[in-house]
Amino acid sequence: TSHNPVACCTFDGNLPDDRAALIGGWDGYVRSCSDTDATTDDGTAIASSVVLGPILTREMDEMLLKELQAVLGSSSGDVTFAVHVGATSEIALASTAVLSGTWSAGRNLSNFVRRSGHAVWVKLTATSQWALEQIRARIAGTGKMRRRGQ
């Protein structure tokens, strides 16, 4: 909490390498962005997250999410994933995860989900540098009988 900025200033030098954005924090330190590939912020791991979705059918029907398989970059750090399924996008996003786990660099094993709903979200979080290449999802319809009862 002491890293919160209270002041900022652009230090403009004659050369591009002499220019910097300076940020003053509550703790009395002046900081600048010194490395675009930084893995920490003053020793604190940089947390990142993304929410993918909602995954819906074209007709907004109920669907069965059978499995997920992720491919991360070859030098990627681990990524924690969580799958959320629900009757609507809003309900699914606020729901408890039906499956969670960790994906590592490269092609991961398939994660069997076997949950049905109208909307699916996949949340990814990490505290290390990571790169997502693709996520493959196997999805099936739940059939005409199930559609008729909705």
C-alpha atoms as a PDB file:
ATOM      1  CA  THR A   1       0.000   0.000   0.000  1.00  0.00           C
ATOM      2  CA  SER A   2       2.948   2.357   0.467  1.00  0.00           C
ATOM      3  CA  HIS A   3       3.691   2.206  -3.282  1.00  0.00           C
ATOM      4  CA  ASN A   4       0.605   4.265  -4.123  1.00  0.00           C
ATOM      5  CA  PRO A   5       1.650   7.302  -6.174  1.00  0.00           C
ATOM      6  CA  VAL A   6       1.214  10.821  -4.793  1.00  0.00           C
ATOM      7  CA  ALA A   7       3.127  12.725  -7.471  1.00  0.00           C
ATOM      8  CA  CYS A   8       4.475  12.173 -10.960  1.00  0.00           C
ATOM      9  CA  CYS A   9       6.809  14.096 -13.211  1.00  0.00           C
ATOM     10  CA  THR A  10       8.389  13.656 -16.619  1.00  0.00           C
ATOM     11  CA  PHE A  11      12.160  14.077 -16.451  1.00  0.00           C
ATOM     12  CA  ASP A  12      12.987  15.234 -19.978  1.00  0.00           C
ATOM     13  CA  GLY A  13      16.628  14.893 -21.029  1.00  0.00           C
ATOM     14  CA  ASN A  14      18.276  15.678 -24.344  1.00  0.00           C
ATOM     15  CA  LEU A  15      18.553  12.048 -25.466  1.00  0.00           C
ATOM     16  CA  PRO A  16      15.785   9.431 -25.510  1.00  0.00           C
ATOM     17  CA  ASP A  17      17.642   7.364 -22.891  1.00  0.00           C
ATOM     18  CA  ASP A  18      17.743  10.434 -20.596  1.00  0.00           C
ATOM     19  CA  ARG A  19      13.943  10.723 -20.438  1.00  0.00           C
ATOM     20  CA  ALA A  20      11.915   9.065 -17.702  1.00  0.00           C
ATOM     21  CA  ALA A  21       8.567   9.228 -15.963  1.00  0.00           C
ATOM     22  CA  LEU A  22       9.203   9.631 -12.224  1.00  0.00           C
ATOM     23  CA  ILE A  23       6.612   8.564  -9.671  1.00  0.00           C
ATOM     24  CA  GLY A  24       6.698   9.554  -5.993  1.00  0.00           C
ATOM     25  CA  GLY A  25       5.125   7.108  -3.523  1.00  0.00           C
ATOM     26  CA  TRP A  26       3.657   7.385  -0.030  1.00  0.00           C
ATOM     27  CA  ASP A  27       6.796   5.736   1.343  1.00  0.00           C
ATOM     28  CA  GLY A  28       8.975   8.694   0.292  1.00  0.00           C
ATOM     29  CA  TYR A  29      10.728   6.950  -2.617  1.00  0.00           C
ATOM     30  CA  VAL A  30      10.822   8.196  -6.204  1.00  0.00           C
ATOM     31  CA  ARG A  31      10.512   5.364  -8.722  1.00  0.00           C
ATOM     32  CA  SER A  32      10.764   5.016 -12.471  1.00  0.00           C
ATOM     33  CA  CYS A  33      10.052   2.256 -14.954  1.00  0.00           C
ATOM     34  CA  SER A  34      13.520   0.917 -15.565  1.00  0.00           C
ATOM     35  CA  ASP A  35      12.870  -2.405 -17.260  1.00  0.00           C
ATOM     36  CA  THR A  36      10.039  -3.494 -19.519  1.00  0.00           C
ATOM     37  CA  ASP A  37      10.846  -7.150 -18.722  1.00  0.00           C
ATOM     38  CA  ALA A  38      10.808  -6.706 -14.937  1.00  0.00           C
ATOM     39  CA  THR A  39       9.586  -9.702 -12.963  1.00  0.00           C
ATOM     40  CA  THR A  40       9.090  -7.799  -9.690  1.00  0.00           C
ATOM     41  CA  ASP A  41       7.998  -4.368  -8.533  1.00  0.00           C
ATOM     42  CA  ASP A  42      10.510  -3.384  -5.839  1.00  0.00           C
ATOM     43  CA  GLY A  43      10.861  -7.049  -4.855  1.00  0.00           C
ATOM     44  CA  THR A  44       7.111  -7.787  -4.944  1.00  0.00           C
ATOM     45  CA  ALA A  45       5.997 -10.299  -7.568  1.00  0.00           C
ATOM     46  CA  ILE A  46       3.841  -8.719 -10.283  1.00  0.00           C
ATOM     47  CA  ALA A  47       0.455 -10.421 -10.261  1.00  0.00           C
ATOM     48  CA  SER A  48      -1.510 -10.652 -13.497  1.00  0.00           C
ATOM     49  CA  SER A  49      -4.924 -12.002 -14.378  1.00  0.00           C
ATOM     50  CA  VAL A  50      -7.280 -12.226 -17.316  1.00  0.00           C
ATOM     51  CA  VAL A  51     -10.837 -13.489 -17.682  1.00  0.00           C
ATOM     52  CA  LEU A  52     -11.680 -15.129 -21.023  1.00  0.00           C
ATOM     53  CA  GLY A  53     -15.298 -15.303 -22.078  1.00  0.00           C
ATOM     54  CA  PRO A  54     -18.108 -15.578 -21.931  1.00  0.00           C
ATOM     55  CA  ILE A  55     -18.126 -18.627 -24.147  1.00  0.00           C
ATOM     56  CA  LEU A  56     -21.676 -18.963 -25.525  1.00  0.00           C
ATOM     57  CA  THR A  57     -23.374 -20.847 -28.323  1.00  0.00           C
ATOM     58  CA  ARG A  58     -24.716 -18.932 -31.290  1.00  0.00           C
ATOM     59  CA  GLU A  59     -28.301 -19.741 -30.256  1.00  0.00           C
ATOM     60  CA  MET A  60     -27.570 -19.071 -26.544  1.00  0.00           C
ATOM     61  CA  ASP A  61     -28.426 -22.728 -25.829  1.00  0.00           C
ATOM     62  CA  GLU A  62     -27.108 -24.763 -22.965  1.00  0.00           C
ATOM     63  CA  MET A  63     -23.840 -26.481 -23.817  1.00  0.00           C
ATOM     64  CA  LEU A  64     -21.624 -29.143 -22.331  1.00  0.00           C
ATOM     65  CA  LEU A  65     -17.992 -28.140 -21.822  1.00  0.00           C
ATOM     66  CA  LYS A  66     -16.194 -31.455 -22.103  1.00  0.00           C
ATOM     67  CA  GLU A  67     -12.536 -30.492 -21.755  1.00  0.00           C
ATOM     68  CA  LEU A  68      -9.904 -27.769 -22.008  1.00  0.00           C
ATOM     69  CA  GLN A  69      -6.331 -28.019 -23.185  1.00  0.00           C
ATOM     70  CA  ALA A  70      -3.880 -25.128 -22.962  1.00  0.00           C
ATOM     71  CA  VAL A  71      -0.659 -24.411 -24.809  1.00  0.00           C
ATOM     72  CA  LEU A  72       1.620 -21.899 -23.099  1.00  0.00           C
ATOM     73  CA  GLY A  73       4.817 -20.410 -24.514  1.00  0.00           C
ATOM     74  CA  SER A  74       7.943 -22.553 -24.182  1.00  0.00           C
ATOM     75  CA  SER A  75       9.493 -20.173 -21.621  1.00  0.00           C
ATOM     76  CA  SER A  76       6.214 -19.334 -19.872  1.00  0.00           C
ATOM     77  CA  GLY A  77       5.794 -19.436 -16.132  1.00  0.00           C
ATOM     78  CA  ASP A  78       2.997 -21.414 -14.498  1.00  0.00           C
ATOM     79  CA  VAL A  79      -0.580 -20.150 -14.845  1.00  0.00           C
ATOM     80  CA  THR A  80      -3.436 -20.983 -12.479  1.00  0.00           C
ATOM     81  CA  PHE A  81      -6.769 -21.488 -14.236  1.00  0.00           C
ATOM     82  CA  ALA A  82     -10.343 -21.617 -12.981  1.00  0.00           C
ATOM     83  CA  VAL A  83     -13.443 -22.591 -14.982  1.00  0.00           C
ATOM     84  CA  HIS A  84     -16.796 -20.984 -14.145  1.00  0.00           C
ATOM     85  CA  VAL A  85     -20.098 -22.247 -15.583  1.00  0.00           C
ATOM     86  CA  GLY A  86     -23.618 -20.907 -15.079  1.00  0.00           C
ATOM     87  CA  ALA A  87     -27.113 -20.307 -16.391  1.00  0.00           C
ATOM     88  CA  THR A  88     -26.205 -16.750 -17.488  1.00  0.00           C
ATOM     89  CA  SER A  89     -22.937 -14.915 -18.088  1.00  0.00           C
ATOM     90  CA  GLU A  90     -23.369 -12.920 -14.891  1.00  0.00           C
ATOM     91  CA  ILE A  91     -24.156 -15.984 -12.765  1.00  0.00           C
ATOM     92  CA  ALA A  92     -21.266 -17.939 -14.283  1.00  0.00           C
ATOM     93  CA  LEU A  93     -18.737 -15.177 -13.622  1.00  0.00           C
ATOM     94  CA  ALA A  94     -19.819 -14.865  -9.975  1.00  0.00           C
ATOM     95  CA  SER A  95     -19.979 -18.629  -9.396  1.00  0.00           C
ATOM     96  CA  THR A  96     -17.526 -20.871  -7.605  1.00  0.00           C
ATOM     97  CA  ALA A  97     -15.068 -22.520  -9.972  1.00  0.00           C
ATOM     98  CA  VAL A  98     -16.128 -25.976 -11.154  1.00  0.00           C
ATOM     99  CA  LEU A  99     -12.515 -26.840 -11.970  1.00  0.00           C
ATOM    100  CA  SER A 100      -9.169 -25.239 -11.220  1.00  0.00           C
ATOM    101  CA  GLY A 101      -5.558 -26.182 -11.629  1.00  0.00           C
ATOM    102  CA  THR A 102      -2.183 -25.126 -12.973  1.00  0.00           C
ATOM    103  CA  TRP A 103      -0.857 -25.096 -16.508  1.00  0.00           C
ATOM    104  CA  SER A 104       2.888 -25.109 -17.257  1.00  0.00           C
ATOM    105  CA  ALA A 105       5.024 -24.173 -20.260  1.00  0.00           C
ATOM    106  CA  GLY A 106       4.289 -26.001 -23.513  1.00  0.00           C
ATOM    107  CA  ARG A 107       1.295 -28.208 -24.371  1.00  0.00           C
ATOM    108  CA  ASN A 108      -0.576 -29.297 -21.256  1.00  0.00           C
ATOM    109  CA  LEU A 109      -2.639 -32.421 -20.709  1.00  0.00           C
ATOM    110  CA  SER A 110      -6.371 -32.117 -21.266  1.00  0.00           C
ATOM    111  CA  ASN A 111      -8.440 -31.094 -18.254  1.00  0.00           C
ATOM    112  CA  PHE A 112     -11.792 -32.869 -18.239  1.00  0.00           C
ATOM    113  CA  VAL A 113     -14.568 -30.513 -17.136  1.00  0.00           C
ATOM    114  CA  ARG A 114     -17.893 -32.177 -18.138  1.00  0.00           C
ATOM    115  CA  ARG A 115     -20.137 -29.353 -16.917  1.00  0.00           C
ATOM    116  CA  SER A 116     -23.126 -27.837 -18.678  1.00  0.00           C
ATOM    117  CA  GLY A 117     -24.483 -24.317 -18.647  1.00  0.00           C
ATOM    118  CA  HIS A 118     -25.340 -21.398 -20.897  1.00  0.00           C
ATOM    119  CA  ALA A 119     -22.099 -19.505 -20.270  1.00  0.00           C
ATOM    120  CA  VAL A 120     -18.489 -20.415 -19.493  1.00  0.00           C
ATOM    121  CA  TRP A 121     -15.635 -18.194 -18.279  1.00  0.00           C
ATOM    122  CA  VAL A 122     -11.967 -19.156 -17.860  1.00  0.00           C
ATOM    123  CA  LYS A 123      -9.933 -17.102 -15.376  1.00  0.00           C
ATOM    124  CA  LEU A 124      -6.139 -17.130 -15.628  1.00  0.00           C
ATOM    125  CA  THR A 125      -3.828 -15.778 -12.902  1.00  0.00           C
ATOM    126  CA  ALA A 126      -0.068 -15.795 -12.408  1.00  0.00           C
ATOM    127  CA  THR A 127       2.730 -14.146 -10.468  1.00  0.00           C
ATOM    128  CA  SER A 128       5.425 -14.866 -13.032  1.00  0.00           C
ATOM    129  CA  GLN A 129       5.868 -13.933 -16.681  1.00  0.00           C
ATOM    130  CA  TRP A 130       3.670 -16.088 -18.870  1.00  0.00           C
ATOM    131  CA  ALA A 131       2.548 -16.407 -22.467  1.00  0.00           C
ATOM    132  CA  LEU A 132      -0.642 -18.061 -23.681  1.00  0.00           C
ATOM    133  CA  GLU A 133      -0.576 -19.484 -27.199  1.00  0.00           C
ATOM    134  CA  GLN A 134      -3.991 -21.173 -27.271  1.00  0.00           C
ATOM    135  CA  ILE A 135      -6.720 -22.904 -25.325  1.00  0.00           C
ATOM    136  CA  ARG A 136      -8.647 -25.675 -27.029  1.00  0.00           C
ATOM    137  CA  ALA A 137     -12.155 -26.344 -25.738  1.00  0.00           C
ATOM    138  CA  ARG A 138     -14.339 -29.327 -26.652  1.00  0.00           C
ATOM    139  CA  ILE A 139     -17.956 -28.258 -26.439  1.00  0.00           C
ATOM    140  CA  ALA A 140     -21.089 -30.225 -27.294  1.00  0.00           C
ATOM    141  CA  GLY A 141     -24.744 -29.314 -27.494  1.00  0.00           C
ATOM    142  CA  THR A 142     -27.077 -30.800 -24.906  1.00  0.00           C
ATOM    143  CA  GLY A 143     -29.672 -31.884 -27.470  1.00  0.00           C
ATOM    144  CA  LYS A 144     -33.173 -31.023 -28.616  1.00  0.00           C
ATOM    145  CA  MET A 145     -34.875 -32.484 -25.532  1.00  0.00           C
ATOM    146  CA  ARG A 146     -32.837 -30.260 -23.244  1.00  0.00           C
ATOM    147  CA  ARG A 147     -33.527 -27.218 -25.462  1.00  0.00           C
ATOM    148  CA  ARG A 148     -37.263 -27.905 -25.431  1.00  0.00           C
ATOM    149  CA  GLY A 149     -37.364 -27.798 -21.608  1.00  0.00           C
ATOM    150  CA  GLN A 150     -35.795 -24.331 -21.375  1.00  0.00           C
END
